[in-house]
Amino acid sequence: MGDPVCRVRHFPSHIVLVAEYGEEREIVGVIRGCVKTVTRGASGFVKLAYLLGLRVSPSHRRLNIGTKLVLKLEEWCKQIGAEFSYMATDCTNEPSVNLFTKKCSYIKFRTLTMLVQPVHAHYKSISSSVSIVRLPERLAESIYRRVFMNSEFFPQDVDLILSSKLNLGTFMAVPKKFLPKWDPRTNILPPSYAILSVWNTKEVFKLQVKGVSPLAYAWCMGSRLLDAWMPWLRLPSFPDVFRKFGLYFLYGLHMEGKNGPGLMKSLCAFAHNMGRDDGECGAVVAEVGPRDPVREAIPHWRKFSWADLWCIKKLKDDMDDSDEKCAPSDWMKSRSSSSVIFVDPRDF
């Protein structure tokens, strides 16, 4: 997966550090970081640092370069007021997990699931009884602040996210029978609805699959050829991931009412069709917590989905706990007070 410098530039407070080695000052390592204010459940807001993109040249590993980069970045985060820092990695990435937990004093905090739905050649059908409405930014912000205020990691600057050029829109699915009675300009939500926003990551980075077995390559190519020869079968052919492709990231997923799961599936189908029209989008991706109700309503391919581990560390000393602005350290050890974890699309 690509991890370019420009990812962190979408945060107001961000930094990129590099490690230089030898007299020639060869760049042998890099790390990126940003600081934002987010919710920590029902306990209010906390200033939080996000560390990402740690890379060390293979020829210079085992020299503590990665540890030094992390500690130096943490110093910068503390200087601008961050109370906690966290990082995310694939659960199977043992070197990364060991570095942060064993050398840098992070603890395993939350485990989320990355759900991946490849974009194929056919449009996904959407029920004729469902209407999908694009919401104005201010209305989307108002709804998000209302429904996610007691969740974890909801960003205080969600308005900047929704107004970003990378945000392709916020969409709500409602039963058509509710439309005549519902005015989107009011603060009254329909009794049953689903909502999500679409973030265009392909403008930040693109992916390319390499090193697959000949059998896997033949299977992917064969599925597309068969689909091209017999399109009436509407096979979910695998997209051409052997060339550079982009992703759409779905965030802010929420549903209400007895029709919520079906409406969420319709929204995901709508996002898939957006990606299909794009031409360069190879998959739509969402990341959700293990207890999030929307989890079961998001279409995905299990073989291409994975668990994502978030680790956290308290940056302020225990003596600072008396400060009213400092979040309680027991947040690190407690079970989430909410079933929902809001994943900031800028982190992806």
Protein backbone atom coordinates (compact mmCIF):
# COMPACT_ATOMS: atom_id res chain seq x y z
CA MET A 1 0.00 0.00 0.00
CA GLY A 2 1.29 3.46 -0.83
CA ASP A 3 1.89 5.95 1.95
CA PRO A 4 3.01 9.26 0.43
CA VAL A 5 3.89 12.40 2.34
CA CYS A 6 0.80 14.25 1.12
CA ARG A 7 -1.59 12.22 3.30
CA VAL A 8 -0.87 14.26 6.43
CA ARG A 9 -1.23 17.59 4.65
CA HIS A 10 -5.00 17.38 5.04
CA PHE A 11 -4.58 17.99 8.79
CA PRO A 12 -4.06 21.54 10.10
CA SER A 13 -1.22 20.34 12.38
CA HIS A 14 1.17 17.90 10.72
CA ILE A 15 4.85 17.07 10.33
CA VAL A 16 7.16 14.75 8.41
CA LEU A 17 10.47 13.62 9.94
CA VAL A 18 13.33 11.86 8.16
CA ALA A 19 16.35 10.03 9.54
CA GLU A 20 19.74 10.73 7.97
CA TYR A 21 22.74 8.40 8.25
CA GLY A 22 26.47 8.80 7.73
CA GLU A 23 28.57 11.66 6.44
CA GLU A 24 26.64 11.69 3.20
CA ARG A 25 23.42 12.18 5.21
CA GLU A 26 21.60 9.44 3.36
CA ILE A 27 17.88 9.39 4.13
CA VAL A 28 17.23 5.97 5.67
CA GLY A 29 13.92 6.46 7.48
CA VAL A 30 10.73 8.51 7.55
CA ILE A 31 7.69 8.98 9.77
CA ARG A 32 4.65 11.22 9.52
CA GLY A 33 2.36 12.58 12.16
CA CYS A 34 -0.55 14.89 12.81
CA VAL A 35 -2.54 16.18 15.76
CA LYS A 36 -6.30 16.53 15.93
CA THR A 37 -9.06 16.90 18.52
CA VAL A 38 -11.44 13.95 18.74
CA THR A 39 -14.09 12.49 21.04
CA ARG A 40 -13.18 9.73 23.49
CA GLY A 41 -16.73 8.45 23.90
CA ALA A 42 -19.19 10.17 26.19
CA SER A 43 -16.34 11.83 28.14
CA GLY A 44 -15.81 14.70 25.72
CA PHE A 45 -12.89 15.70 23.52
CA VAL A 46 -9.18 14.97 23.71
CA LYS A 47 -6.19 16.21 21.72
CA LEU A 48 -4.76 13.19 19.95
CA ALA A 49 -1.71 12.54 17.77
CA TYR A 50 -1.75 10.05 14.93
CA LEU A 51 1.52 8.43 13.86
CA LEU A 52 1.70 6.86 10.42
CA GLY A 53 3.99 5.88 7.61
CA LEU A 54 6.99 4.70 9.62
CA ARG A 55 9.54 3.33 7.16
CA VAL A 56 13.19 2.36 7.63
CA SER A 57 15.50 1.28 4.82
CA PRO A 58 16.07 -2.53 4.94
CA SER A 59 19.82 -1.95 4.89
CA HIS A 60 19.65 0.17 8.07
CA ARG A 61 17.28 -1.80 10.27
CA ARG A 62 18.16 -3.04 13.78
CA LEU A 63 19.90 0.28 14.47
CA ASN A 64 17.00 1.72 16.56
CA ILE A 65 16.25 4.22 13.81
CA GLY A 66 12.53 3.45 13.93
CA THR A 67 12.42 3.90 17.71
CA LYS A 68 14.26 7.24 17.50
CA LEU A 69 11.86 8.50 14.84
CA VAL A 70 8.83 7.58 16.96
CA LEU A 71 10.24 9.25 20.10
CA LYS A 72 11.22 12.39 18.20
CA LEU A 73 7.75 12.65 16.67
CA GLU A 74 6.16 12.19 20.10
CA GLU A 75 8.18 15.14 21.39
CA TRP A 76 6.72 17.35 18.67
CA CYS A 77 3.21 16.07 19.42
CA LYS A 78 3.56 16.91 23.13
CA GLN A 79 4.84 20.39 22.32
CA ILE A 80 1.60 21.23 20.54
CA GLY A 81 -0.57 19.78 23.28
CA ALA A 82 -1.32 16.18 22.31
CA GLU A 83 -2.37 14.12 25.33
CA PHE A 84 -2.34 10.72 23.61
CA SER A 85 -0.83 9.26 20.47
CA TYR A 86 -1.97 6.27 18.48
CA MET A 87 -1.01 4.22 15.45
CA ALA A 88 -2.74 1.62 13.28
CA THR A 89 -1.33 -1.45 11.59
CA ASP A 90 -2.36 -4.80 10.19
CA CYS A 91 -2.78 -7.28 13.05
CA THR A 92 -0.35 -9.64 11.29
CA ASN A 93 2.43 -7.04 11.10
CA GLU A 94 4.42 -8.35 14.06
CA PRO A 95 7.54 -6.16 13.55
CA SER A 96 5.42 -2.99 13.68
CA VAL A 97 3.35 -4.18 16.65
CA ASN A 98 6.48 -5.23 18.57
CA LEU A 99 8.24 -1.94 17.88
CA PHE A 100 5.40 0.14 19.28
CA THR A 101 4.30 -2.11 22.15
CA LYS A 102 7.66 -3.42 23.36
CA LYS A 103 10.01 -0.52 22.62
CA CYS A 104 7.77 2.55 22.63
CA SER A 105 5.30 1.67 25.45
CA TYR A 106 2.12 1.58 23.38
CA ILE A 107 -0.71 -0.76 24.36
CA LYS A 108 -3.17 -2.59 22.13
CA PHE A 109 -6.32 -0.49 22.20
CA ARG A 110 -8.98 -1.20 19.59
CA THR A 111 -9.30 -3.75 16.78
CA LEU A 112 -11.28 -2.71 13.71
CA THR A 113 -12.05 -4.52 10.47
CA MET A 114 -11.24 -3.25 7.00
CA LEU A 115 -14.04 -4.31 4.65
CA VAL A 116 -13.18 -4.35 0.95
CA GLN A 117 -15.63 -4.53 -1.94
CA PRO A 118 -13.96 -4.73 -5.40
CA VAL A 119 -15.53 -2.61 -8.12
CA HIS A 120 -16.48 -4.71 -11.14
CA ALA A 121 -17.95 -3.95 -14.55
CA HIS A 122 -21.64 -4.19 -13.64
CA TYR A 123 -23.79 -1.71 -11.80
CA LYS A 124 -25.24 -2.93 -8.54
CA SER A 125 -29.01 -2.71 -8.37
CA ILE A 126 -30.74 -0.39 -5.93
CA SER A 127 -34.31 -1.04 -4.83
CA SER A 128 -36.92 1.13 -6.51
CA SER A 129 -38.44 1.76 -3.07
CA VAL A 130 -35.26 3.57 -1.92
CA SER A 131 -34.32 7.18 -2.62
CA ILE A 132 -30.74 8.40 -2.26
CA VAL A 133 -30.30 12.09 -1.49
CA ARG A 134 -27.05 14.05 -1.54
CA LEU A 135 -26.90 16.20 1.59
CA PRO A 136 -25.55 19.76 1.73
CA GLU A 137 -22.31 20.03 3.72
CA ARG A 138 -23.87 21.96 6.61
CA LEU A 139 -26.71 19.47 6.98
CA ALA A 140 -24.27 16.54 6.83
CA GLU A 141 -22.12 18.19 9.50
CA SER A 142 -25.14 18.77 11.73
CA ILE A 143 -26.27 15.15 11.44
CA TYR A 144 -22.78 13.78 12.04
CA ARG A 145 -22.25 15.91 15.13
CA ARG A 146 -25.56 14.66 16.48
CA VAL A 147 -25.20 10.93 15.85
CA PHE A 148 -21.45 10.53 16.51
CA MET A 149 -20.91 12.86 19.47
CA ASN A 150 -20.74 9.96 21.95
CA SER A 151 -18.60 7.75 19.72
CA GLU A 152 -14.82 7.42 19.83
CA PHE A 153 -12.43 9.34 17.55
CA PHE A 154 -15.04 11.66 16.03
CA PRO A 155 -13.01 14.69 14.80
CA GLN A 156 -13.92 18.13 16.04
CA ASP A 157 -13.02 19.57 12.63
CA VAL A 158 -15.42 17.34 10.67
CA ASP A 159 -16.47 20.45 8.75
CA LEU A 160 -13.00 20.60 7.15
CA ILE A 161 -13.33 16.98 6.07
CA LEU A 162 -16.74 17.50 4.49
CA SER A 163 -15.59 20.61 2.62
CA SER A 164 -12.39 18.97 1.32
CA LYS A 165 -12.00 18.51 -2.42
CA LEU A 166 -11.36 14.82 -1.72
CA ASN A 167 -14.83 14.40 -0.25
CA LEU A 168 -17.16 13.30 -3.04
CA GLY A 169 -20.30 13.93 -1.02
CA THR A 170 -22.47 12.77 1.84
CA PHE A 171 -25.47 10.66 0.89
CA MET A 172 -28.57 9.54 2.73
CA ALA A 173 -30.84 6.64 1.77
CA VAL A 174 -34.48 6.84 2.85
CA PRO A 175 -37.61 4.88 1.90
CA LYS A 176 -39.40 6.74 -0.87
CA LYS A 177 -42.60 6.74 1.15
CA PHE A 178 -40.93 9.05 3.69
CA LEU A 179 -39.81 11.66 1.14
CA PRO A 180 -43.07 13.63 0.91
CA LYS A 181 -43.05 14.07 4.70
CA TRP A 182 -39.34 14.77 5.18
CA ASP A 183 -37.72 18.14 4.61
CA PRO A 184 -33.88 17.88 4.55
CA ARG A 185 -33.64 21.51 5.67
CA THR A 186 -35.10 20.70 9.08
CA ASN A 187 -33.37 19.08 12.04
CA ILE A 188 -35.93 16.27 12.11
CA LEU A 189 -34.57 13.04 10.67
CA PRO A 190 -36.76 10.41 9.00
CA PRO A 191 -37.69 7.41 11.18
CA SER A 192 -35.53 5.12 9.07
CA TYR A 193 -32.44 6.12 7.11
CA ALA A 194 -28.78 5.36 6.37
CA ILE A 195 -25.97 7.83 5.80
CA LEU A 196 -22.35 7.74 4.62
CA SER A 197 -19.72 9.91 2.96
CA VAL A 198 -17.30 9.01 0.16
CA TRP A 199 -13.60 10.00 0.25
CA ASN A 200 -11.55 9.88 -2.93
CA THR A 201 -8.20 8.39 -1.91
CA LYS A 202 -7.05 7.92 -5.51
CA GLU A 203 -6.17 11.61 -5.61
CA VAL A 204 -3.71 10.99 -2.75
CA PHE A 205 -2.25 7.57 -3.57
CA LYS A 206 -2.78 4.63 -5.90
CA LEU A 207 -2.21 0.93 -5.38
CA GLN A 208 -0.91 -1.88 -7.53
CA VAL A 209 -0.85 -5.62 -6.81
CA LYS A 210 2.44 -7.38 -7.53
CA GLY A 211 3.97 -10.75 -6.81
CA VAL A 212 0.81 -12.87 -7.05
CA SER A 213 1.00 -16.49 -8.11
CA PRO A 214 0.39 -17.38 -11.78
CA LEU A 215 -2.77 -19.20 -10.72
CA ALA A 216 -4.21 -16.15 -8.96
CA TYR A 217 -3.30 -13.95 -11.92
CA ALA A 218 -4.97 -16.36 -14.35
CA TRP A 219 -8.09 -16.51 -12.19
CA CYS A 220 -8.43 -12.71 -12.09
CA MET A 221 -7.81 -12.33 -15.83
CA GLY A 222 -10.14 -15.23 -16.63
CA SER A 223 -13.00 -13.74 -14.60
CA ARG A 224 -12.79 -10.51 -16.62
CA LEU A 225 -12.58 -12.32 -19.96
CA LEU A 226 -15.56 -14.50 -19.12
CA ASP A 227 -17.49 -11.45 -17.99
CA ALA A 228 -16.66 -9.67 -21.26
CA TRP A 229 -17.80 -12.64 -23.36
CA MET A 230 -21.00 -13.29 -21.41
CA PRO A 231 -22.02 -9.99 -19.77
CA TRP A 232 -25.60 -11.17 -19.33
CA LEU A 233 -24.39 -13.45 -16.50
CA ARG A 234 -23.41 -10.33 -14.52
CA LEU A 235 -20.41 -12.05 -12.95
CA PRO A 236 -18.68 -10.09 -10.16
CA SER A 237 -15.44 -10.09 -12.17
CA PHE A 238 -12.30 -9.01 -10.39
CA PRO A 239 -10.98 -5.57 -11.41
CA ASP A 240 -7.56 -5.19 -13.00
CA VAL A 241 -5.52 -4.62 -9.85
CA PHE A 242 -2.26 -5.39 -11.66
CA ARG A 243 -2.28 -1.83 -12.95
CA LYS A 244 -2.41 1.23 -10.69
CA PHE A 245 -5.87 1.84 -9.26
CA GLY A 246 -7.53 4.01 -6.65
CA LEU A 247 -9.95 3.46 -3.79
CA TYR A 248 -13.08 5.10 -2.46
CA PHE A 249 -13.16 5.13 1.34
CA LEU A 250 -16.59 5.10 2.98
CA TYR A 251 -16.82 6.84 6.33
CA GLY A 252 -19.47 8.25 8.64
CA LEU A 253 -21.61 5.14 8.17
CA HIS A 254 -24.73 5.20 10.33
CA MET A 255 -28.23 3.75 10.10
CA GLU A 256 -31.49 4.06 12.02
CA GLY A 257 -34.82 2.25 12.02
CA LYS A 258 -36.01 -1.17 10.93
CA ASN A 259 -35.10 -0.44 7.30
CA GLY A 260 -31.59 0.68 8.23
CA PRO A 261 -29.63 -2.42 7.09
CA GLY A 262 -31.31 -2.52 3.68
CA LEU A 263 -30.82 1.21 3.23
CA MET A 264 -27.12 0.90 4.13
CA LYS A 265 -26.70 -1.84 1.52
CA SER A 266 -28.31 0.46 -1.03
CA LEU A 267 -25.88 3.24 -0.13
CA CYS A 268 -22.91 0.90 -0.49
CA ALA A 269 -24.24 -0.18 -3.89
CA PHE A 270 -24.54 3.50 -4.82
CA ALA A 271 -20.90 4.09 -3.82
CA HIS A 272 -19.84 1.03 -5.84
CA ASN A 273 -21.59 2.44 -8.89
CA MET A 274 -19.82 5.77 -8.37
CA GLY A 275 -16.52 3.89 -8.44
CA ARG A 276 -17.60 1.97 -11.53
CA ASP A 277 -18.30 5.25 -13.35
CA ASP A 278 -14.96 6.66 -12.21
CA GLY A 279 -12.95 4.16 -14.25
CA GLU A 280 -9.88 4.32 -11.99
CA CYS A 281 -11.49 3.10 -8.77
CA GLY A 282 -10.72 -0.56 -8.06
CA ALA A 283 -12.50 -0.98 -4.73
CA VAL A 284 -14.66 0.69 -2.10
CA VAL A 285 -13.40 0.28 1.46
CA ALA A 286 -14.90 0.86 4.90
CA GLU A 287 -13.38 0.40 8.37
CA VAL A 288 -15.66 -0.32 11.32
CA GLY A 289 -15.47 -1.49 14.92
CA PRO A 290 -16.40 -5.03 15.98
CA ARG A 291 -19.63 -3.90 17.69
CA ASP A 292 -20.77 -1.35 15.13
CA PRO A 293 -24.32 -2.21 13.92
CA VAL A 294 -23.46 -1.23 10.34
CA ARG A 295 -20.81 -3.95 10.13
CA GLU A 296 -23.21 -6.67 8.97
CA ALA A 297 -24.84 -4.40 6.40
CA ILE A 298 -21.68 -3.50 4.46
CA PRO A 299 -21.12 -5.74 1.38
CA HIS A 300 -17.54 -7.00 1.18
CA TRP A 301 -15.34 -9.86 0.07
CA ARG A 302 -14.03 -11.70 3.10
CA LYS A 303 -10.84 -12.86 1.39
CA PHE A 304 -9.80 -9.26 0.78
CA SER A 305 -10.75 -7.86 4.19
CA TRP A 306 -8.48 -7.79 7.24
CA ALA A 307 -8.22 -6.81 10.91
CA ASP A 308 -6.63 -3.48 11.79
CA LEU A 309 -5.01 -3.01 15.22
CA TRP A 310 -4.91 0.42 16.88
CA CYS A 311 -2.32 0.97 19.62
CA ILE A 312 -2.30 3.97 21.97
CA LYS A 313 0.05 5.71 24.39
CA LYS A 314 -0.45 8.42 27.00
CA LEU A 315 1.96 11.29 26.30
CA LYS A 316 1.35 13.42 29.38
CA ASP A 317 2.88 12.47 32.71
CA ASP A 318 0.63 11.16 35.47
CA MET A 319 1.25 14.35 37.44
CA ASP A 320 -0.62 16.24 34.73
CA ASP A 321 -3.86 14.32 35.39
CA SER A 322 -4.99 17.11 37.70
CA ASP A 323 -5.26 19.36 34.66
CA GLU A 324 -8.93 19.66 33.74
CA LYS A 325 -8.06 19.59 30.07
CA CYS A 326 -6.23 16.26 30.34
CA ALA A 327 -8.21 13.16 29.49
CA PRO A 328 -8.31 10.41 32.16
CA SER A 329 -5.63 7.78 31.62
CA ASP A 330 -8.13 4.98 32.26
CA TRP A 331 -9.44 5.59 28.72
CA MET A 332 -6.52 3.46 27.56
CA LYS A 333 -7.58 0.51 29.71
CA SER A 334 -11.36 0.69 29.50
CA ARG A 335 -13.82 -0.93 27.14
CA SER A 336 -15.25 1.52 24.65
CA SER A 337 -18.30 3.34 25.98
CA SER A 338 -19.74 3.32 22.46
CA SER A 339 -20.14 0.60 19.86
CA VAL A 340 -19.06 3.09 17.18
CA ILE A 341 -15.55 4.20 16.29
CA PHE A 342 -15.44 7.04 13.76
CA VAL A 343 -12.63 6.50 11.28
CA ASP A 344 -11.24 9.76 9.95
CA PRO A 345 -10.79 9.37 6.15
CA ARG A 346 -7.61 11.46 6.35
CA ASP A 347 -6.05 8.62 8.37
CA PHE A 348 -6.64 6.07 5.64
